[in-house]
Protein backbone atom coordinates (compact mmCIF):
# COMPACT_ATOMS: atom_id res chain seq x y z
CA MET A 1 64.95 5.74 108.41
CA THR A 2 65.52 8.40 105.74
CA LYS A 3 61.89 8.27 104.68
CA PHE A 4 60.81 8.53 108.33
CA GLY A 5 62.94 11.66 108.71
CA GLU A 6 61.19 13.17 105.71
CA LEU A 7 57.75 12.26 107.08
CA ILE A 8 58.28 13.95 110.45
CA SER A 9 60.13 17.03 109.21
CA ILE A 10 57.08 18.90 107.96
CA ASP A 11 55.69 22.03 109.59
CA LYS A 12 52.38 20.44 110.55
CA PRO A 13 51.86 17.86 113.30
CA VAL A 14 52.35 14.21 112.38
CA LEU A 15 50.49 11.62 114.48
CA ILE A 16 52.10 8.20 114.21
CA ASP A 17 50.51 4.96 115.35
CA PHE A 18 53.11 2.22 115.79
CA TYR A 19 51.14 -1.01 115.72
CA SER A 20 51.52 -4.72 115.16
CA GLU A 21 49.35 -6.47 112.60
CA TRP A 22 48.89 -9.55 114.78
CA ASP A 23 47.39 -7.40 117.52
CA GLU A 24 45.57 -4.81 115.41
CA ALA A 25 41.99 -4.16 116.43
CA GLU A 26 39.45 -2.73 114.00
CA THR A 27 38.67 -0.03 116.54
CA SER A 28 42.19 1.35 116.14
CA ILE A 29 41.70 1.73 112.39
CA ASP A 30 38.35 3.45 112.93
CA THR A 31 39.88 5.70 115.58
CA LEU A 32 42.62 6.87 113.23
CA ARG A 33 40.12 7.41 110.42
CA ASP A 34 38.08 9.63 112.75
CA VAL A 35 41.21 11.56 113.78
CA ALA A 36 42.31 12.05 110.17
CA ALA A 37 38.81 13.17 109.13
CA ALA A 38 38.54 15.64 112.00
CA LEU A 39 41.97 17.19 111.41
CA GLY A 40 41.80 17.28 107.61
CA ASP A 41 44.90 18.85 106.07
CA LYS A 42 45.98 20.48 109.37
CA ALA A 43 47.90 17.33 110.32
CA LYS A 44 49.15 14.04 108.95
CA VAL A 45 48.13 10.64 110.40
CA ILE A 46 50.40 7.65 109.74
CA LYS A 47 50.33 3.98 110.77
CA ILE A 48 53.62 2.09 110.97
CA ASP A 49 53.74 -1.69 111.40
CA ILE A 50 56.48 -2.40 113.96
CA ASN A 51 57.06 -5.90 112.54
CA LYS A 52 57.80 -4.52 109.06
CA ASN A 53 59.86 -1.62 110.45
CA GLU A 54 61.83 -3.27 113.25
CA VAL A 55 64.93 -1.07 112.87
CA LEU A 56 62.83 2.09 113.23
CA ALA A 57 60.82 0.65 116.14
CA ASP A 58 64.03 -0.33 117.93
CA ALA A 59 65.62 3.06 117.28
CA LEU A 60 62.58 4.79 118.80
CA ARG A 61 62.38 2.22 121.63
CA VAL A 62 58.83 1.20 120.78
CA LYS A 63 58.05 -1.57 123.27
CA GLY A 64 54.26 -1.47 123.68
CA ASN A 65 51.46 -1.80 121.20
CA PRO A 66 50.05 0.58 120.17
CA THR A 67 52.49 3.43 120.71
CA PHE A 68 51.41 6.87 119.53
CA MET A 69 53.78 9.77 118.82
CA ILE A 70 53.29 13.32 117.65
CA TYR A 71 56.10 15.03 115.73
CA LYS A 72 56.35 18.55 114.37
CA ASN A 73 59.32 19.94 112.43
CA GLY A 74 61.24 16.73 113.14
CA GLU A 75 60.86 17.01 116.91
CA MET A 76 58.87 14.59 119.07
CA LYS A 77 56.23 16.56 120.97
CA TRP A 78 54.25 13.76 122.65
CA ARG A 79 54.39 10.00 123.13
CA GLN A 80 52.06 7.49 124.79
CA THR A 81 51.79 3.72 124.78
CA GLY A 82 48.35 2.15 124.99
CA PHE A 83 44.97 2.71 123.41
CA GLN A 84 43.81 6.32 122.99
CA ASP A 85 40.34 7.34 121.87
CA ALA A 86 39.80 9.60 118.85
CA ASN A 87 38.78 12.69 120.85
CA THR A 88 41.91 12.47 123.01
CA LEU A 89 44.16 12.15 119.96
CA ILE A 90 42.40 14.98 118.14
CA GLY A 91 42.82 17.27 121.15
CA LEU A 92 46.49 16.40 121.51
CA VAL A 93 47.29 16.97 117.85
CA GLN A 94 45.37 20.27 117.79
CA GLN A 95 47.75 21.63 120.44
CA TYR A 96 50.49 21.60 117.80
CA VAL A 97 48.57 22.88 114.76
């Protein structure tokens, strides 16, 4: 939890993909690569396995897979459960750059 606090407390947007390895599709990995490439150093893109981080997932009430969140300066700005395409995620993150 401490490390998570450090990750989200930066002054650039942080897009987090909470996922489960047993249900991870290759398209999700490609989508996040595209998002990270498009945003460059303007934002941070992180994947968190909910099975390996159950305490964090429970604390944030992550129920669906995948669940995406955008944080900036430690504050959650956006949250959505379900698949999102790269262009949608890029547009959302750019709102907080």
